[in-house]
C-alpha atoms as a PDB file:
ATOM      1  CA  UNK A   1     104.497 139.855  76.864  1.00  0.00           C
ATOM      2  CA  UNK A   2     101.649 139.994  75.593  1.00  0.00           C
ATOM      3  CA  UNK A   3     101.800 140.809  72.061  1.00  0.00           C
ATOM      4  CA  UNK A   4     103.988 137.230  72.011  1.00  0.00           C
ATOM      5  CA  UNK A   5      99.818 136.193  73.674  1.00  0.00           C
ATOM      6  CA  UNK A   6      97.946 137.623  71.497  1.00  0.00           C
ATOM      7  CA  UNK A   7      99.676 135.594  69.388  1.00  0.00           C
ATOM      8  CA  UNK A   8     100.296 132.187  70.488  1.00  0.00           C
ATOM      9  CA  UNK A   9      96.686 132.118  71.214  1.00  0.00           C
ATOM     10  CA  UNK A  10      96.117 132.866  67.585  1.00  0.00           C
ATOM     11  CA  UNK A  11      97.932 130.499  66.058  1.00  0.00           C
ATOM     12  CA  UNK A  12      97.005 127.786  67.617  1.00  0.00           C
ATOM     13  CA  UNK A  13      93.122 128.962  66.576  1.00  0.00           C
ATOM     14  CA  UNK A  14      94.357 129.163  63.534  1.00  0.00           C
ATOM     15  CA  UNK A  15      95.367 125.852  63.051  1.00  0.00           C
ATOM     16  CA  UNK A  16      92.412 124.496  64.562  1.00  0.00           C
ATOM     17  CA  UNK A  17      90.101 125.764  62.871  1.00  0.00           C
ATOM     18  CA  UNK A  18      92.160 123.995  59.714  1.00  0.00           C
ATOM     19  CA  UNK A  19      92.105 121.299  61.080  1.00  0.00           C
ATOM     20  CA  UNK A  20      88.809 121.239  62.168  1.00  0.00           C
ATOM     21  CA  UNK A  21      87.518 121.953  57.993  1.00  0.00           C
ATOM     22  CA  UNK A  22      89.809 119.140  56.860  1.00  0.00           C
ATOM     23  CA  UNK A  23      87.112 116.597  57.237  1.00  0.00           C
ATOM     24  CA  UNK A  24      84.215 119.118  56.255  1.00  0.00           C
ATOM     25  CA  UNK A  25      86.802 120.152  52.931  1.00  0.00           C
ATOM     26  CA  UNK A  26      86.694 115.438  52.242  1.00  0.00           C
ATOM     27  CA  UNK A  27      82.869 114.780  52.888  1.00  0.00           C
ATOM     28  CA  UNK A  28      80.973 113.642  50.283  1.00  0.00           C
ATOM     29  CA  UNK A  29      79.174 116.795  47.703  1.00  0.00           C
ATOM     30  CA  UNK A  30      76.748 113.960  46.376  1.00  0.00           C
ATOM     31  CA  UNK A  31      74.891 112.473  48.993  1.00  0.00           C
ATOM     32  CA  UNK A  32      72.919 110.352  46.850  1.00  0.00           C
ATOM     33  CA  UNK A  33      71.385 107.055  47.936  1.00  0.00           C
ATOM     34  CA  UNK A  34      72.742 104.718  45.665  1.00  0.00           C
ATOM     35  CA  UNK A  35      68.389 102.981  45.546  1.00  0.00           C
ATOM     36  CA  UNK A  36      67.703 107.257  43.166  1.00  0.00           C
ATOM     37  CA  UNK A  37      71.222 107.795  41.010  1.00  0.00           C
ATOM     38  CA  UNK A  38      70.423 107.395  37.392  1.00  0.00           C
ATOM     39  CA  UNK A  39      72.742 104.927  35.853  1.00  0.00           C
ATOM     40  CA  UNK A  40      75.972 105.825  34.434  1.00  0.00           C
ATOM     41  CA  UNK A  41      75.186 105.161  30.609  1.00  0.00           C
ATOM     42  CA  UNK A  42      71.642 107.435  31.258  1.00  0.00           C
ATOM     43  CA  UNK A  43      74.743 110.995  32.363  1.00  0.00           C
ATOM     44  CA  UNK A  44      76.291 109.368  29.202  1.00  0.00           C
ATOM     45  CA  UNK A  45      73.655 109.265  26.681  1.00  0.00           C
ATOM     46  CA  UNK A  46      72.814 112.833  28.070  1.00  0.00           C
ATOM     47  CA  UNK A  47      76.024 113.928  27.253  1.00  0.00           C
ATOM     48  CA  UNK A  48      76.406 112.399  23.193  1.00  0.00           C
ATOM     49  CA  UNK A  49      72.533 113.892  23.276  1.00  0.00           C
ATOM     50  CA  UNK A  50      74.290 118.209  23.932  1.00  0.00           C
ATOM     51  CA  UNK A  51      77.333 116.411  21.213  1.00  0.00           C
ATOM     52  CA  UNK A  52      80.364 115.217  23.244  1.00  0.00           C
ATOM     53  CA  UNK A  53      82.037 112.382  23.223  1.00  0.00           C
ATOM     54  CA  UNK A  54      82.239 110.649  26.114  1.00  0.00           C
ATOM     55  CA  UNK A  55      85.781 109.888  27.614  1.00  0.00           C
ATOM     56  CA  UNK A  56      85.276 108.325  30.799  1.00  0.00           C
ATOM     57  CA  UNK A  57      82.466 109.189  33.957  1.00  0.00           C
ATOM     58  CA  UNK A  58      83.906 107.681  37.165  1.00  0.00           C
ATOM     59  CA  UNK A  59      82.514 108.649  40.814  1.00  0.00           C
ATOM     60  CA  UNK A  60      84.450 111.409  43.268  1.00  0.00           C
ATOM     61  CA  UNK A  61      82.800 112.984  45.958  1.00  0.00           C
ATOM     62  CA  UNK A  62      79.449 110.907  45.281  1.00  0.00           C
ATOM     63  CA  UNK A  63      78.916 112.546  41.828  1.00  0.00           C
ATOM     64  CA  UNK A  64      79.178 111.264  38.789  1.00  0.00           C
ATOM     65  CA  UNK A  65      82.745 113.306  36.497  1.00  0.00           C
ATOM     66  CA  UNK A  66      82.692 113.037  33.047  1.00  0.00           C
ATOM     67  CA  UNK A  67      85.370 113.777  31.552  1.00  0.00           C
ATOM     68  CA  UNK A  68      83.918 114.849  27.818  1.00  0.00           C
ATOM     69  CA  UNK A  69      85.261 116.392  24.668  1.00  0.00           C
ATOM     70  CA  UNK A  70      83.055 118.174  21.836  1.00  0.00           C
ATOM     71  CA  UNK A  71      85.707 120.160  19.166  1.00  0.00           C
ATOM     72  CA  UNK A  72      88.524 121.731  21.063  1.00  0.00           C
ATOM     73  CA  UNK A  73      86.487 121.526  24.075  1.00  0.00           C
ATOM     74  CA  UNK A  74      87.440 119.449  26.728  1.00  0.00           C
ATOM     75  CA  UNK A  75      85.219 118.782  30.009  1.00  0.00           C
ATOM     76  CA  UNK A  76      85.870 116.983  33.327  1.00  0.00           C
ATOM     77  CA  UNK A  77      82.585 118.259  35.330  1.00  0.00           C
ATOM     78  CA  UNK A  78      80.983 116.083  37.827  1.00  0.00           C
ATOM     79  CA  UNK A  79      77.308 115.293  38.293  1.00  0.00           C
ATOM     80  CA  UNK A  80      74.673 114.656  40.886  1.00  0.00           C
ATOM     81  CA  UNK A  81      74.294 111.459  40.336  1.00  0.00           C
ATOM     82  CA  UNK A  82      69.584 111.897  40.758  1.00  0.00           C
ATOM     83  CA  UNK A  83      68.638 114.383  38.956  1.00  0.00           C
ATOM     84  CA  UNK A  84      71.936 114.796  35.917  1.00  0.00           C
ATOM     85  CA  UNK A  85      72.511 118.293  36.738  1.00  0.00           C
ATOM     86  CA  UNK A  86      75.696 119.338  35.904  1.00  0.00           C
ATOM     87  CA  UNK A  87      77.708 120.836  39.585  1.00  0.00           C
ATOM     88  CA  UNK A  88      78.903 123.894  39.826  1.00  0.00           C
ATOM     89  CA  UNK A  89      81.910 121.647  41.600  1.00  0.00           C
ATOM     90  CA  UNK A  90      85.850 121.809  41.063  1.00  0.00           C
ATOM     91  CA  UNK A  91      86.364 118.349  39.562  1.00  0.00           C
ATOM     92  CA  UNK A  92      89.585 117.105  41.222  1.00  0.00           C
END
């Protein structure tokens, strides 16, 4: 009976931990005030200067998400709106 209680406790603790992490996972990656954000046009110009053809730039996780192609290479990456630096975070 003791092992059942331990297993139940662990299952409950795991469910709580997963539920508590949910809001943290959904939070914005970039927390840049709008006044400090550069324009999406500036990001587009930066990418085009590097040889990319920009298909679309949208807001995702508080960041800019750029979709671009260069030859046969495709890019779907997040960029910090303040610095326009590429982030090492998976885009959705």
